Amino acid sequence: MVIPVDEGPHQRMLRITKNEDGTTSEEAFENFSFVPMLTGKNG
């Protein structure tokens, strides 16, 4: 699972991975800029 975290011009991306034994691993990547989804736009 990939999750955008924080608000503003610089955000973090969190990657959460479910391991074979049922536990989860979390990795954080810094300085991303996510663009918000627009409603009513197709294509």
PDB file of N, CA and C in Angstrom:
ATOM      1  N   MET A   1       0.856  -1.150   0.000  1.00  0.00           N
ATOM      2  CA  MET A   1       0.000   0.000   0.000  1.00  0.00           C
ATOM      3  C   MET A   1       0.910   1.223   0.000  1.00  0.00           C
ATOM      4  N   VAL A   2       0.572   2.194  -0.818  1.00  0.00           N
ATOM      5  CA  VAL A   2       1.312   3.453  -0.878  1.00  0.00           C
ATOM      6  C   VAL A   2       0.379   4.571  -0.417  1.00  0.00           C
ATOM      7  N   ILE A   3       0.853   5.396   0.520  1.00  0.00           N
ATOM      8  CA  ILE A   3       0.009   6.424   1.138  1.00  0.00           C
ATOM      9  C   ILE A   3       0.722   7.770   1.119  1.00  0.00           C
ATOM     10  N   PRO A   4       0.073   8.827   0.589  1.00  0.00           N
ATOM     11  CA  PRO A   4       0.649  10.165   0.725  1.00  0.00           C
ATOM     12  C   PRO A   4       0.407  10.673   2.144  1.00  0.00           C
ATOM     13  N   VAL A   5       1.437  11.293   2.743  1.00  0.00           N
ATOM     14  CA  VAL A   5       1.351  11.776   4.124  1.00  0.00           C
ATOM     15  C   VAL A   5       1.764  13.246   4.159  1.00  0.00           C
ATOM     16  N   ASP A   6       1.136  14.021   4.993  1.00  0.00           N
ATOM     17  CA  ASP A   6       1.394  15.448   5.199  1.00  0.00           C
ATOM     18  C   ASP A   6       0.680  16.286   4.142  1.00  0.00           C
ATOM     19  N   GLU A   7       0.682  17.592   4.344  1.00  0.00           N
ATOM     20  CA  GLU A   7       0.073  18.537   3.415  1.00  0.00           C
ATOM     21  C   GLU A   7       1.097  19.590   3.061  1.00  0.00           C
ATOM     22  N   GLY A   8       0.805  20.371   2.028  1.00  0.00           N
ATOM     23  CA  GLY A   8       1.713  21.430   1.619  1.00  0.00           C
ATOM     24  C   GLY A   8       2.530  21.019   0.401  1.00  0.00           C
ATOM     25  N   PRO A   9       3.538  21.818   0.059  1.00  0.00           N
ATOM     26  CA  PRO A   9       4.293  21.576  -1.171  1.00  0.00           C
ATOM     27  C   PRO A   9       5.178  20.331  -1.117  1.00  0.00           C
ATOM     28  N   HIS A  10       5.606  19.918   0.072  1.00  0.00           N
ATOM     29  CA  HIS A  10       6.467  18.742   0.196  1.00  0.00           C
ATOM     30  C   HIS A  10       5.809  17.737   1.126  1.00  0.00           C
ATOM     31  N   GLN A  11       5.612  16.545   0.603  1.00  0.00           N
ATOM     32  CA  GLN A  11       4.954  15.502   1.363  1.00  0.00           C
ATOM     33  C   GLN A  11       5.857  14.275   1.428  1.00  0.00           C
ATOM     34  N   ARG A  12       5.442  13.306   2.203  1.00  0.00           N
ATOM     35  CA  ARG A  12       6.146  12.032   2.282  1.00  0.00           C
ATOM     36  C   ARG A  12       5.284  10.950   1.659  1.00  0.00           C
ATOM     37  N   MET A  13       5.921   9.925   1.139  1.00  0.00           N
ATOM     38  CA  MET A  13       5.217   8.760   0.651  1.00  0.00           C
ATOM     39  C   MET A  13       5.552   7.623   1.604  1.00  0.00           C
ATOM     40  N   LEU A  14       4.527   6.955   2.089  1.00  0.00           N
ATOM     41  CA  LEU A  14       4.701   5.828   2.983  1.00  0.00           C
ATOM     42  C   LEU A  14       4.362   4.556   2.216  1.00  0.00           C
ATOM     43  N   ARG A  15       5.271   3.583   2.235  1.00  0.00           N
ATOM     44  CA  ARG A  15       4.996   2.294   1.596  1.00  0.00           C
ATOM     45  C   ARG A  15       4.911   1.252   2.702  1.00  0.00           C
ATOM     46  N   ILE A  16       3.741   0.612   2.803  1.00  0.00           N
ATOM     47  CA  ILE A  16       3.511  -0.417   3.812  1.00  0.00           C
ATOM     48  C   ILE A  16       3.376  -1.747   3.087  1.00  0.00           C
ATOM     49  N   THR A  17       4.184  -2.710   3.507  1.00  0.00           N
ATOM     50  CA  THR A  17       4.212  -4.025   2.864  1.00  0.00           C
ATOM     51  C   THR A  17       3.823  -5.078   3.881  1.00  0.00           C
ATOM     52  N   LYS A  18       2.902  -5.970   3.482  1.00  0.00           N
ATOM     53  CA  LYS A  18       2.534  -7.089   4.348  1.00  0.00           C
ATOM     54  C   LYS A  18       3.474  -8.245   4.042  1.00  0.00           C
ATOM     55  N   ASN A  19       4.157  -8.733   5.058  1.00  0.00           N
ATOM     56  CA  ASN A  19       5.122  -9.810   4.905  1.00  0.00           C
ATOM     57  C   ASN A  19       4.432 -11.172   4.953  1.00  0.00           C
ATOM     58  N   GLU A  20       5.133 -12.190   4.502  1.00  0.00           N
ATOM     59  CA  GLU A  20       4.567 -13.542   4.452  1.00  0.00           C
ATOM     60  C   GLU A  20       4.127 -14.043   5.824  1.00  0.00           C
ATOM     61  N   ASP A  21       4.800 -13.601   6.888  1.00  0.00           N
ATOM     62  CA  ASP A  21       4.451 -14.064   8.236  1.00  0.00           C
ATOM     63  C   ASP A  21       3.309 -13.264   8.863  1.00  0.00           C
ATOM     64  N   GLY A  22       2.719 -12.326   8.093  1.00  0.00           N
ATOM     65  CA  GLY A  22       1.578 -11.547   8.579  1.00  0.00           C
ATOM     66  C   GLY A  22       1.955 -10.202   9.185  1.00  0.00           C
ATOM     67  N   THR A  23       3.229  -9.955   9.413  1.00  0.00           N
ATOM     68  CA  THR A  23       3.665  -8.668   9.943  1.00  0.00           C
ATOM     69  C   THR A  23       3.718  -7.642   8.810  1.00  0.00           C
ATOM     70  N   THR A  24       3.892  -6.381   9.148  1.00  0.00           N
ATOM     71  CA  THR A  24       4.008  -5.339   8.136  1.00  0.00           C
ATOM     72  C   THR A  24       5.341  -4.612   8.273  1.00  0.00           C
ATOM     73  N   SER A  25       5.842  -4.139   7.135  1.00  0.00           N
ATOM     74  CA  SER A  25       7.052  -3.320   7.094  1.00  0.00           C
ATOM     75  C   SER A  25       6.653  -1.960   6.557  1.00  0.00           C
ATOM     76  N   GLU A  26       7.298  -0.916   7.063  1.00  0.00           N
ATOM     77  CA  GLU A  26       6.973   0.451   6.659  1.00  0.00           C
ATOM     78  C   GLU A  26       8.238   1.169   6.205  1.00  0.00           C
ATOM     79  N   GLU A  27       8.161   1.806   5.035  1.00  0.00           N
ATOM     80  CA  GLU A  27       9.265   2.606   4.515  1.00  0.00           C
ATOM     81  C   GLU A  27       8.741   3.996   4.213  1.00  0.00           C
ATOM     82  N   ALA A  28       9.520   5.023   4.536  1.00  0.00           N
ATOM     83  CA  ALA A  28       9.129   6.404   4.276  1.00  0.00           C
ATOM     84  C   ALA A  28      10.080   7.007   3.249  1.00  0.00           C
ATOM     85  N   PHE A  29       9.514   7.716   2.281  1.00  0.00           N
ATOM     86  CA  PHE A  29      10.282   8.413   1.253  1.00  0.00           C
ATOM     87  C   PHE A  29       9.922   9.883   1.344  1.00  0.00           C
ATOM     88  N   GLU A  30      10.911  10.742   1.367  1.00  0.00           N
ATOM     89  CA  GLU A  30      10.714  12.171   1.610  1.00  0.00           C
ATOM     90  C   GLU A  30      10.584  12.977   0.312  1.00  0.00           C
ATOM     91  N   ASN A  31      10.063  14.194   0.447  1.00  0.00           N
ATOM     92  CA  ASN A  31      10.017  15.216  -0.603  1.00  0.00           C
ATOM     93  C   ASN A  31       9.291  14.799  -1.876  1.00  0.00           C
ATOM     94  N   PHE A  32       8.041  14.411  -1.711  1.00  0.00           N
ATOM     95  CA  PHE A  32       7.174  14.133  -2.850  1.00  0.00           C
ATOM     96  C   PHE A  32       6.154  15.247  -2.961  1.00  0.00           C
ATOM     97  N   SER A  33       5.646  15.464  -4.157  1.00  0.00           N
ATOM     98  CA  SER A  33       4.559  16.414  -4.379  1.00  0.00           C
ATOM     99  C   SER A  33       3.428  15.671  -5.059  1.00  0.00           C
ATOM    100  N   PHE A  34       2.392  15.347  -4.295  1.00  0.00           N
ATOM    101  CA  PHE A  34       1.238  14.649  -4.844  1.00  0.00           C
ATOM    102  C   PHE A  34       0.257  15.675  -5.394  1.00  0.00           C
ATOM    103  N   VAL A  35      -0.331  15.371  -6.508  1.00  0.00           N
ATOM    104  CA  VAL A  35      -1.302  16.254  -7.149  1.00  0.00           C
ATOM    105  C   VAL A  35      -2.688  15.751  -6.783  1.00  0.00           C
ATOM    106  N   PRO A  36      -3.565  16.618  -6.267  1.00  0.00           N
ATOM    107  CA  PRO A  36      -4.902  16.164  -5.874  1.00  0.00           C
ATOM    108  C   PRO A  36      -5.721  15.730  -7.088  1.00  0.00           C
ATOM    109  N   MET A  37      -6.578  14.750  -6.871  1.00  0.00           N
ATOM    110  CA  MET A  37      -7.490  14.276  -7.906  1.00  0.00           C
ATOM    111  C   MET A  37      -8.567  15.340  -8.139  1.00  0.00           C
ATOM    112  N   LEU A  38      -8.957  15.536  -9.373  1.00  0.00           N
ATOM    113  CA  LEU A  38     -10.008  16.494  -9.705  1.00  0.00           C
ATOM    114  C   LEU A  38     -11.316  15.769  -9.897  1.00  0.00           C
ATOM    115  N   THR A  39     -12.379  16.304  -9.326  1.00  0.00           N
ATOM    116  CA  THR A  39     -13.679  15.694  -9.515  1.00  0.00           C
ATOM    117  C   THR A  39     -14.283  16.179 -10.816  1.00  0.00           C
ATOM    118  N   GLY A  40     -15.049  15.324 -11.455  1.00  0.00           N
ATOM    119  CA  GLY A  40     -15.730  15.715 -12.688  1.00  0.00           C
ATOM    120  C   GLY A  40     -14.859  15.687 -13.923  1.00  0.00           C
ATOM    121  N   LYS A  41     -13.646  15.197 -13.840  1.00  0.00           N
ATOM    122  CA  LYS A  41     -12.753  15.120 -15.003  1.00  0.00           C
ATOM    123  C   LYS A  41     -12.602  13.664 -15.408  1.00  0.00           C
ATOM    124  N   ASN A  42     -12.764  13.398 -16.697  1.00  0.00           N
ATOM    125  CA  ASN A  42     -12.593  12.036 -17.226  1.00  0.00           C
ATOM    126  C   ASN A  42     -11.493  12.071 -18.281  1.00  0.00           C
ATOM    127  N   GLY A  43     -10.674  10.997 -18.275  1.00  0.00           N
ATOM    128  CA  GLY A  43      -9.664  10.863 -19.322  1.00  0.00           C
ATOM    129  C   GLY A  43      -8.443  11.554 -18.951  1.00  0.00           C
TER     130      GLY A  43
END
